[in-house]
Amino acid sequence: MVNKFESLPNEIFIEILSYTTCVDAAIAFLNLNLRLQSLLAEFCRKFDFTSISKKNFDTIFQYQNTDEWHSMKLSDAEHTPGQVTYFFENHGFIDKFSQLRSLSIVNIIPNYPCPLFTQLPCLSNLVSLEIESLCGDNIPEFELPNLKKLTFTSCPNTCWLKNFTGLETIKYTMAGRCTENKLLVWSCALKHLKIIYEDYRDCALIQPSLTNLSQLVDLEVYQKEPGGPFPYGETWAQMISASVPSLKNFKFL
């Protein structure tokens, strides 16, 4: 059966790959011939590890070339507890993932130490980054010069973003009260900003953070849970007129 499968034309094998995830394909077709392994490496470059056993996780990292990957997602959720820590203990980003363009690391245990932020600068081609959950007090300053899109959840301290000079799109969920340094800072090159907050008192932090965002085109502000006084519309209108001259779309819900 294996020999018959290995005789499949490239076009049919590529069609089969289009119906499965890269993780499942890497495990299912592990022992095929060199021709099909080359096709597997060429067409399977996006690896989502949010639902995978530790055994299969180890197998993929043993046999796949991470320098060819374009996208990866790690998670510390209930199906994969401790995965992020395990990744950094056994793999990490140093001298690996040279072509990685998109990275998601979600459900991180809050305040749990790991070398994530010291190793992220190794990903020089990274364009999109998603991280949750964070404490801004514990994040050192670092740079990702090619990063264009950032999605993250953290307490209201984003001072670590000030060196992200090329960042154009941010989706930020404000969560946690771990910081005393409540200060929201954004990239001056920002064009699209979406902020989600829970406590109505945090709305007072948002307005001052929007000054000098001269390139901002889209702004969305959402309160998760209703409560507190409704934001004063005239104040927002004055702020937008004075500080965000390029704004075309504004939503406040």
C-alpha atoms as a PDB file:
ATOM      1  CA  MET A   1       0.000   0.000   0.000  1.00  0.00           C
ATOM      2  CA  VAL A   2       2.827   2.417   0.881  1.00  0.00           C
ATOM      3  CA  ASN A   3       4.568   1.702  -2.438  1.00  0.00           C
ATOM      4  CA  LYS A   4       1.359   2.411  -4.364  1.00  0.00           C
ATOM      5  CA  PHE A   5       0.817   5.647  -2.470  1.00  0.00           C
ATOM      6  CA  GLU A   6       4.396   6.741  -3.121  1.00  0.00           C
ATOM      7  CA  SER A   7       3.804   6.335  -6.850  1.00  0.00           C
ATOM      8  CA  LEU A   8       1.113   9.019  -6.854  1.00  0.00           C
ATOM      9  CA  PRO A   9       1.779  11.965  -9.181  1.00  0.00           C
ATOM     10  CA  ASN A  10       2.835  15.201  -7.525  1.00  0.00           C
ATOM     11  CA  GLU A  11      -0.431  16.917  -8.449  1.00  0.00           C
ATOM     12  CA  ILE A  12      -2.564  14.334  -6.633  1.00  0.00           C
ATOM     13  CA  PHE A  13      -0.381  14.371  -3.535  1.00  0.00           C
ATOM     14  CA  ILE A  14      -0.552  18.180  -3.418  1.00  0.00           C
ATOM     15  CA  GLU A  15      -4.344  17.951  -3.729  1.00  0.00           C
ATOM     16  CA  ILE A  16      -4.415  15.561  -0.752  1.00  0.00           C
ATOM     17  CA  LEU A  17      -2.344  18.019   1.290  1.00  0.00           C
ATOM     18  CA  SER A  18      -4.908  20.744   0.627  1.00  0.00           C
ATOM     19  CA  TYR A  19      -7.491  18.751   2.619  1.00  0.00           C
ATOM     20  CA  THR A  20      -5.421  18.301   5.780  1.00  0.00           C
ATOM     21  CA  THR A  21      -3.518  20.434   8.260  1.00  0.00           C
ATOM     22  CA  CYS A  22       0.252  20.646   8.141  1.00  0.00           C
ATOM     23  CA  VAL A  23       0.475  19.001  11.561  1.00  0.00           C
ATOM     24  CA  ASP A  24      -1.650  16.011  10.504  1.00  0.00           C
ATOM     25  CA  ALA A  25       0.167  15.701   7.172  1.00  0.00           C
ATOM     26  CA  ALA A  26       3.610  15.765   8.804  1.00  0.00           C
ATOM     27  CA  ILE A  27       2.616  12.865  11.070  1.00  0.00           C
ATOM     28  CA  ALA A  28       0.615  10.836   8.541  1.00  0.00           C
ATOM     29  CA  PHE A  29       3.224  11.002   5.760  1.00  0.00           C
ATOM     30  CA  LEU A  30       6.321  10.754   7.923  1.00  0.00           C
ATOM     31  CA  ASN A  31       7.913   7.714   6.260  1.00  0.00           C
ATOM     32  CA  LEU A  32       7.244   8.379   2.591  1.00  0.00           C
ATOM     33  CA  ASN A  33       9.935   8.590  -0.079  1.00  0.00           C
ATOM     34  CA  LEU A  34      12.198  11.583  -0.660  1.00  0.00           C
ATOM     35  CA  ARG A  35      10.090  12.999  -3.499  1.00  0.00           C
ATOM     36  CA  LEU A  36       6.947  13.206  -1.388  1.00  0.00           C
ATOM     37  CA  GLN A  37       8.894  14.415   1.645  1.00  0.00           C
ATOM     38  CA  SER A  38      10.180  17.300  -0.472  1.00  0.00           C
ATOM     39  CA  LEU A  39       6.633  18.167  -1.514  1.00  0.00           C
ATOM     40  CA  LEU A  40       5.529  17.939   2.102  1.00  0.00           C
ATOM     41  CA  ALA A  41       8.229  20.413   3.124  1.00  0.00           C
ATOM     42  CA  GLU A  42       7.293  22.760   0.284  1.00  0.00           C
ATOM     43  CA  PHE A  43       3.547  22.872   0.900  1.00  0.00           C
ATOM     44  CA  CYS A  44       3.365  22.399   4.683  1.00  0.00           C
ATOM     45  CA  ARG A  45       4.760  25.523   6.282  1.00  0.00           C
ATOM     46  CA  LYS A  46       2.001  26.524   8.712  1.00  0.00           C
ATOM     47  CA  PHE A  47       1.990  24.582  11.977  1.00  0.00           C
ATOM     48  CA  ASP A  48      -0.782  25.007  14.544  1.00  0.00           C
ATOM     49  CA  PHE A  49       0.044  23.096  17.743  1.00  0.00           C
ATOM     50  CA  THR A  50      -3.048  24.063  19.760  1.00  0.00           C
ATOM     51  CA  SER A  51      -4.303  20.472  19.695  1.00  0.00           C
ATOM     52  CA  ILE A  52      -1.484  17.934  19.584  1.00  0.00           C
ATOM     53  CA  SER A  53       0.029  15.241  21.793  1.00  0.00           C
ATOM     54  CA  LYS A  54       3.511  15.677  23.215  1.00  0.00           C
ATOM     55  CA  LYS A  55       4.655  12.622  21.230  1.00  0.00           C
ATOM     56  CA  ASN A  56       3.558  14.082  17.898  1.00  0.00           C
ATOM     57  CA  PHE A  57       4.939  17.493  18.876  1.00  0.00           C
ATOM     58  CA  ASP A  58       8.369  15.927  19.427  1.00  0.00           C
ATOM     59  CA  THR A  59       8.116  13.920  16.204  1.00  0.00           C
ATOM     60  CA  ILE A  60       7.437  16.978  14.075  1.00  0.00           C
ATOM     61  CA  PHE A  61      10.362  18.907  15.532  1.00  0.00           C
ATOM     62  CA  GLN A  62      12.599  15.886  15.059  1.00  0.00           C
ATOM     63  CA  TYR A  63      11.900  15.443  11.349  1.00  0.00           C
ATOM     64  CA  GLN A  64      10.774  18.851  10.028  1.00  0.00           C
ATOM     65  CA  ASN A  65      13.075  21.719   9.068  1.00  0.00           C
ATOM     66  CA  THR A  66      11.839  24.707  11.074  1.00  0.00           C
ATOM     67  CA  ASP A  67      13.825  27.095   8.869  1.00  0.00           C
ATOM     68  CA  GLU A  68      11.247  26.430   6.141  1.00  0.00           C
ATOM     69  CA  TRP A  69       8.209  27.267   8.266  1.00  0.00           C
ATOM     70  CA  HIS A  70       6.171  30.416   7.629  1.00  0.00           C
ATOM     71  CA  SER A  71       3.697  30.236  10.522  1.00  0.00           C
ATOM     72  CA  MET A  72       3.509  28.625  13.976  1.00  0.00           C
ATOM     73  CA  LYS A  73       1.014  28.651  16.847  1.00  0.00           C
ATOM     74  CA  LEU A  74       1.743  27.480  20.402  1.00  0.00           C
ATOM     75  CA  SER A  75      -0.680  27.281  23.320  1.00  0.00           C
ATOM     76  CA  ASP A  76      -0.743  26.632  27.050  1.00  0.00           C
ATOM     77  CA  ALA A  77      -4.480  25.866  27.012  1.00  0.00           C
ATOM     78  CA  GLU A  78      -6.012  22.875  28.767  1.00  0.00           C
ATOM     79  CA  HIS A  79      -5.382  20.534  25.808  1.00  0.00           C
ATOM     80  CA  THR A  80      -1.670  21.427  25.667  1.00  0.00           C
ATOM     81  CA  PRO A  81      -0.640  22.552  29.176  1.00  0.00           C
ATOM     82  CA  GLY A  82       3.008  23.562  29.535  1.00  0.00           C
ATOM     83  CA  GLN A  83       3.607  23.542  25.776  1.00  0.00           C
ATOM     84  CA  VAL A  84       5.190  27.014  25.651  1.00  0.00           C
ATOM     85  CA  THR A  85       7.654  26.255  28.439  1.00  0.00           C
ATOM     86  CA  TYR A  86       8.469  22.880  26.878  1.00  0.00           C
ATOM     87  CA  PHE A  87       9.124  24.544  23.524  1.00  0.00           C
ATOM     88  CA  PHE A  88      11.651  26.972  24.973  1.00  0.00           C
ATOM     89  CA  GLU A  89      13.337  24.288  27.070  1.00  0.00           C
ATOM     90  CA  ASN A  90      13.871  22.032  24.048  1.00  0.00           C
ATOM     91  CA  HIS A  91      13.848  24.258  20.965  1.00  0.00           C
ATOM     92  CA  GLY A  92      13.493  28.046  21.123  1.00  0.00           C
ATOM     93  CA  PHE A  93      14.040  30.582  18.339  1.00  0.00           C
ATOM     94  CA  ILE A  94      17.803  31.013  18.397  1.00  0.00           C
ATOM     95  CA  ASP A  95      19.342  30.031  15.022  1.00  0.00           C
ATOM     96  CA  LYS A  96      16.004  28.557  13.890  1.00  0.00           C
ATOM     97  CA  PHE A  97      12.782  29.647  12.136  1.00  0.00           C
ATOM     98  CA  SER A  98      14.640  31.940   9.744  1.00  0.00           C
ATOM     99  CA  GLN A  99      11.599  32.261   7.420  1.00  0.00           C
ATOM    100  CA  LEU A 100       8.904  32.533  10.102  1.00  0.00           C
ATOM    101  CA  ARG A 101       6.491  35.357   9.252  1.00  0.00           C
ATOM    102  CA  SER A 102       3.594  34.697  11.614  1.00  0.00           C
ATOM    103  CA  LEU A 103       3.738  33.606  15.271  1.00  0.00           C
ATOM    104  CA  SER A 104       0.931  33.043  17.793  1.00  0.00           C
ATOM    105  CA  ILE A 105       1.563  32.159  21.435  1.00  0.00           C
ATOM    106  CA  VAL A 106      -1.678  32.047  23.403  1.00  0.00           C
ATOM    107  CA  ASN A 107      -2.954  31.184  26.872  1.00  0.00           C
ATOM    108  CA  ILE A 108       0.445  31.858  28.429  1.00  0.00           C
ATOM    109  CA  ILE A 109       0.456  31.418  32.192  1.00  0.00           C
ATOM    110  CA  PRO A 110       0.545  35.015  33.528  1.00  0.00           C
ATOM    111  CA  ASN A 111       3.898  36.119  34.962  1.00  0.00           C
ATOM    112  CA  TYR A 112       5.468  32.732  34.245  1.00  0.00           C
ATOM    113  CA  PRO A 113       9.114  33.286  33.321  1.00  0.00           C
ATOM    114  CA  CYS A 114      10.240  32.152  29.866  1.00  0.00           C
ATOM    115  CA  PRO A 115      12.805  33.539  27.420  1.00  0.00           C
ATOM    116  CA  LEU A 116      10.167  34.586  24.884  1.00  0.00           C
ATOM    117  CA  PHE A 117      11.050  38.262  24.720  1.00  0.00           C
ATOM    118  CA  THR A 118      14.794  37.764  24.732  1.00  0.00           C
ATOM    119  CA  GLN A 119      14.480  35.376  21.771  1.00  0.00           C
ATOM    120  CA  LEU A 120      11.827  37.153  19.687  1.00  0.00           C
ATOM    121  CA  PRO A 121      14.418  39.501  18.096  1.00  0.00           C
ATOM    122  CA  CYS A 122      15.918  36.377  16.472  1.00  0.00           C
ATOM    123  CA  LEU A 123      12.835  36.257  14.225  1.00  0.00           C
ATOM    124  CA  SER A 124      13.985  38.984  11.871  1.00  0.00           C
ATOM    125  CA  ASN A 125      11.336  38.228   9.200  1.00  0.00           C
ATOM    126  CA  LEU A 126       8.361  38.219  11.562  1.00  0.00           C
ATOM    127  CA  VAL A 127       5.437  40.240  10.172  1.00  0.00           C
ATOM    128  CA  SER A 128       2.530  39.159  12.400  1.00  0.00           C
ATOM    129  CA  LEU A 129       2.604  38.387  16.140  1.00  0.00           C
ATOM    130  CA  GLU A 130      -0.131  37.293  18.558  1.00  0.00           C
ATOM    131  CA  ILE A 131       0.542  36.911  22.292  1.00  0.00           C
ATOM    132  CA  GLU A 132      -1.712  36.422  25.322  1.00  0.00           C
ATOM    133  CA  SER A 133      -1.680  36.942  28.294  1.00  0.00           C
ATOM    134  CA  LEU A 134       1.039  39.376  29.361  1.00  0.00           C
ATOM    135  CA  CYS A 135       2.146  41.679  32.129  1.00  0.00           C
ATOM    136  CA  GLY A 136       3.699  44.799  30.645  1.00  0.00           C
ATOM    137  CA  ASP A 137       5.905  45.272  33.703  1.00  0.00           C
ATOM    138  CA  ASN A 138       7.798  42.083  32.854  1.00  0.00           C
ATOM    139  CA  ILE A 139       8.508  42.810  29.183  1.00  0.00           C
ATOM    140  CA  PRO A 140      11.917  44.258  28.278  1.00  0.00           C
ATOM    141  CA  GLU A 141      12.358  46.649  25.390  1.00  0.00           C
ATOM    142  CA  PHE A 142      13.142  44.869  22.123  1.00  0.00           C
ATOM    143  CA  GLU A 143      12.781  45.426  18.389  1.00  0.00           C
ATOM    144  CA  LEU A 144      11.145  43.571  15.507  1.00  0.00           C
ATOM    145  CA  PRO A 145      11.819  45.861  12.537  1.00  0.00           C
ATOM    146  CA  ASN A 146       9.570  44.033  10.043  1.00  0.00           C
ATOM    147  CA  LEU A 147       6.580  43.534  12.347  1.00  0.00           C
ATOM    148  CA  LYS A 148       3.392  44.998  10.833  1.00  0.00           C
ATOM    149  CA  LYS A 149       0.577  43.413  12.853  1.00  0.00           C
ATOM    150  CA  LEU A 150       0.319  42.739  16.599  1.00  0.00           C
ATOM    151  CA  THR A 151      -2.533  41.122  18.530  1.00  0.00           C
ATOM    152  CA  PHE A 152      -2.067  40.906  22.279  1.00  0.00           C
ATOM    153  CA  THR A 153      -3.734  40.798  25.693  1.00  0.00           C
ATOM    154  CA  SER A 154      -2.069  42.499  28.638  1.00  0.00           C
ATOM    155  CA  CYS A 155      -2.447  44.792  31.601  1.00  0.00           C
ATOM    156  CA  PRO A 156      -2.575  48.542  30.791  1.00  0.00           C
ATOM    157  CA  ASN A 157       1.177  48.994  30.355  1.00  0.00           C
ATOM    158  CA  THR A 158       2.386  48.977  26.747  1.00  0.00           C
ATOM    159  CA  CYS A 159       5.583  50.997  27.118  1.00  0.00           C
ATOM    160  CA  TRP A 160       7.505  48.114  25.562  1.00  0.00           C
ATOM    161  CA  LEU A 161       5.966  48.990  22.172  1.00  0.00           C
ATOM    162  CA  LYS A 162       7.779  52.290  21.748  1.00  0.00           C
ATOM    163  CA  ASN A 163      10.558  50.791  19.603  1.00  0.00           C
ATOM    164  CA  PHE A 164       8.165  49.124  17.122  1.00  0.00           C
ATOM    165  CA  THR A 165       8.577  51.835  14.522  1.00  0.00           C
ATOM    166  CA  GLY A 166       7.044  49.921  11.579  1.00  0.00           C
ATOM    167  CA  LEU A 167       3.971  48.528  13.348  1.00  0.00           C
ATOM    168  CA  GLU A 168       0.792  49.390  11.402  1.00  0.00           C
ATOM    169  CA  THR A 169      -1.993  47.273  12.941  1.00  0.00           C
ATOM    170  CA  ILE A 170      -2.746  46.530  16.608  1.00  0.00           C
ATOM    171  CA  LYS A 171      -5.586  44.640  18.266  1.00  0.00           C
ATOM    172  CA  TYR A 172      -5.210  45.094  22.012  1.00  0.00           C
ATOM    173  CA  THR A 173      -7.305  43.553  24.793  1.00  0.00           C
ATOM    174  CA  MET A 174      -6.792  45.249  28.134  1.00  0.00           C
ATOM    175  CA  ALA A 175      -6.993  42.700  30.952  1.00  0.00           C
ATOM    176  CA  GLY A 176      -5.526  42.322  34.424  1.00  0.00           C
ATOM    177  CA  ARG A 177      -4.682  44.794  37.151  1.00  0.00           C
ATOM    178  CA  CYS A 178      -1.125  43.612  37.834  1.00  0.00           C
ATOM    179  CA  THR A 179       0.622  46.869  36.945  1.00  0.00           C
ATOM    180  CA  GLU A 180       0.899  50.165  38.779  1.00  0.00           C
ATOM    181  CA  ASN A 181       2.430  51.805  35.685  1.00  0.00           C
ATOM    182  CA  LYS A 182      -0.731  52.371  33.685  1.00  0.00           C
ATOM    183  CA  LEU A 183       0.488  53.884  30.445  1.00  0.00           C
ATOM    184  CA  LEU A 184      -0.583  53.025  26.909  1.00  0.00           C
ATOM    185  CA  VAL A 185       2.028  53.649  24.216  1.00  0.00           C
ATOM    186  CA  TRP A 186       1.633  52.970  20.497  1.00  0.00           C
ATOM    187  CA  SER A 187       3.795  53.010  17.390  1.00  0.00           C
ATOM    188  CA  CYS A 188       3.735  56.378  15.620  1.00  0.00           C
ATOM    189  CA  ALA A 189       3.314  54.531  12.300  1.00  0.00           C
ATOM    190  CA  LEU A 190       0.048  52.946  13.447  1.00  0.00           C
ATOM    191  CA  LYS A 191      -2.769  52.908  10.866  1.00  0.00           C
ATOM    192  CA  HIS A 192      -5.297  50.495  12.394  1.00  0.00           C
ATOM    193  CA  LEU A 193      -6.004  50.258  16.137  1.00  0.00           C
ATOM    194  CA  LYS A 194      -8.620  48.185  17.957  1.00  0.00           C
ATOM    195  CA  ILE A 195      -8.833  48.375  21.756  1.00  0.00           C
ATOM    196  CA  ILE A 196     -11.027  46.128  23.903  1.00  0.00           C
ATOM    197  CA  TYR A 197     -11.379  46.941  27.606  1.00  0.00           C
ATOM    198  CA  GLU A 198     -13.518  45.750  30.529  1.00  0.00           C
ATOM    199  CA  ASP A 199     -13.472  48.355  33.318  1.00  0.00           C
ATOM    200  CA  TYR A 200     -15.054  51.671  32.283  1.00  0.00           C
ATOM    201  CA  ARG A 201     -12.362  53.496  34.278  1.00  0.00           C
ATOM    202  CA  ASP A 202      -9.739  52.253  31.813  1.00  0.00           C
ATOM    203  CA  CYS A 203     -11.352  54.350  29.105  1.00  0.00           C
ATOM    204  CA  ALA A 204      -9.583  57.349  30.643  1.00  0.00           C
ATOM    205  CA  LEU A 205      -6.242  55.769  29.685  1.00  0.00           C
ATOM    206  CA  ILE A 206      -7.142  55.455  26.017  1.00  0.00           C
ATOM    207  CA  GLN A 207      -7.696  59.063  24.987  1.00  0.00           C
ATOM    208  CA  PRO A 208      -4.260  60.410  26.055  1.00  0.00           C
ATOM    209  CA  SER A 209      -2.551  57.504  24.283  1.00  0.00           C
ATOM    210  CA  LEU A 210      -3.935  58.548  20.897  1.00  0.00           C
ATOM    211  CA  THR A 211      -2.135  61.859  20.631  1.00  0.00           C
ATOM    212  CA  ASN A 212       0.321  62.228  17.758  1.00  0.00           C
ATOM    213  CA  LEU A 213      -1.000  59.204  15.834  1.00  0.00           C
ATOM    214  CA  SER A 214      -0.984  61.212  12.638  1.00  0.00           C
ATOM    215  CA  GLN A 215      -1.207  58.146  10.354  1.00  0.00           C
ATOM    216  CA  LEU A 216      -4.099  56.414  12.138  1.00  0.00           C
ATOM    217  CA  VAL A 217      -6.918  55.597   9.698  1.00  0.00           C
ATOM    218  CA  ASP A 218      -9.136  53.144  11.624  1.00  0.00           C
ATOM    219  CA  LEU A 219      -9.937  53.280  15.350  1.00  0.00           C
ATOM    220  CA  GLU A 220     -12.250  50.868  17.196  1.00  0.00           C
ATOM    221  CA  VAL A 221     -12.850  50.998  20.953  1.00  0.00           C
ATOM    222  CA  TYR A 222     -15.014  48.354  22.635  1.00  0.00           C
ATOM    223  CA  GLN A 223     -16.104  47.867  26.242  1.00  0.00           C
ATOM    224  CA  LYS A 224     -16.653  44.167  26.957  1.00  0.00           C
ATOM    225  CA  GLU A 225     -19.108  44.599  29.806  1.00  0.00           C
ATOM    226  CA  PRO A 226     -21.550  47.516  29.977  1.00  0.00           C
ATOM    227  CA  GLY A 227     -21.198  49.746  33.008  1.00  0.00           C
ATOM    228  CA  GLY A 228     -20.144  53.182  34.140  1.00  0.00           C
ATOM    229  CA  PRO A 229     -20.905  56.523  32.528  1.00  0.00           C
ATOM    230  CA  PHE A 230     -21.109  56.753  28.763  1.00  0.00           C
ATOM    231  CA  PRO A 231     -17.979  58.308  27.208  1.00  0.00           C
ATOM    232  CA  TYR A 232     -18.265  62.042  26.550  1.00  0.00           C
ATOM    233  CA  GLY A 233     -18.572  62.355  22.786  1.00  0.00           C
ATOM    234  CA  GLU A 234     -17.444  65.971  22.519  1.00  0.00           C
ATOM    235  CA  THR A 235     -14.152  65.163  24.233  1.00  0.00           C
ATOM    236  CA  TRP A 236     -13.501  62.375  21.730  1.00  0.00           C
ATOM    237  CA  ALA A 237     -14.380  64.633  18.812  1.00  0.00           C
ATOM    238  CA  GLN A 238     -11.945  67.314  19.989  1.00  0.00           C
ATOM    239  CA  MET A 239      -9.175  64.769  20.547  1.00  0.00           C
ATOM    240  CA  ILE A 240      -9.646  63.219  17.107  1.00  0.00           C
ATOM    241  CA  SER A 241      -9.698  66.584  15.384  1.00  0.00           C
ATOM    242  CA  ALA A 242      -6.508  67.737  17.106  1.00  0.00           C
ATOM    243  CA  SER A 243      -4.434  64.543  17.246  1.00  0.00           C
ATOM    244  CA  VAL A 244      -5.670  62.072  14.615  1.00  0.00           C
ATOM    245  CA  PRO A 245      -6.078  64.082  11.397  1.00  0.00           C
ATOM    246  CA  SER A 246      -6.021  61.060   9.050  1.00  0.00           C
ATOM    247  CA  LEU A 247      -8.781  59.130  10.847  1.00  0.00           C
ATOM    248  CA  LYS A 248     -11.478  57.896   8.445  1.00  0.00           C
ATOM    249  CA  ASN A 249     -13.317  55.243  10.490  1.00  0.00           C
ATOM    250  CA  PHE A 250     -14.170  55.442  14.200  1.00  0.00           C
ATOM    251  CA  LYS A 251     -16.277  52.959  16.188  1.00  0.00           C
ATOM    252  CA  PHE A 252     -17.032  53.150  19.903  1.00  0.00           C
ATOM    253  CA  LEU A 253     -19.241  50.383  21.307  1.00  0.00           C
END
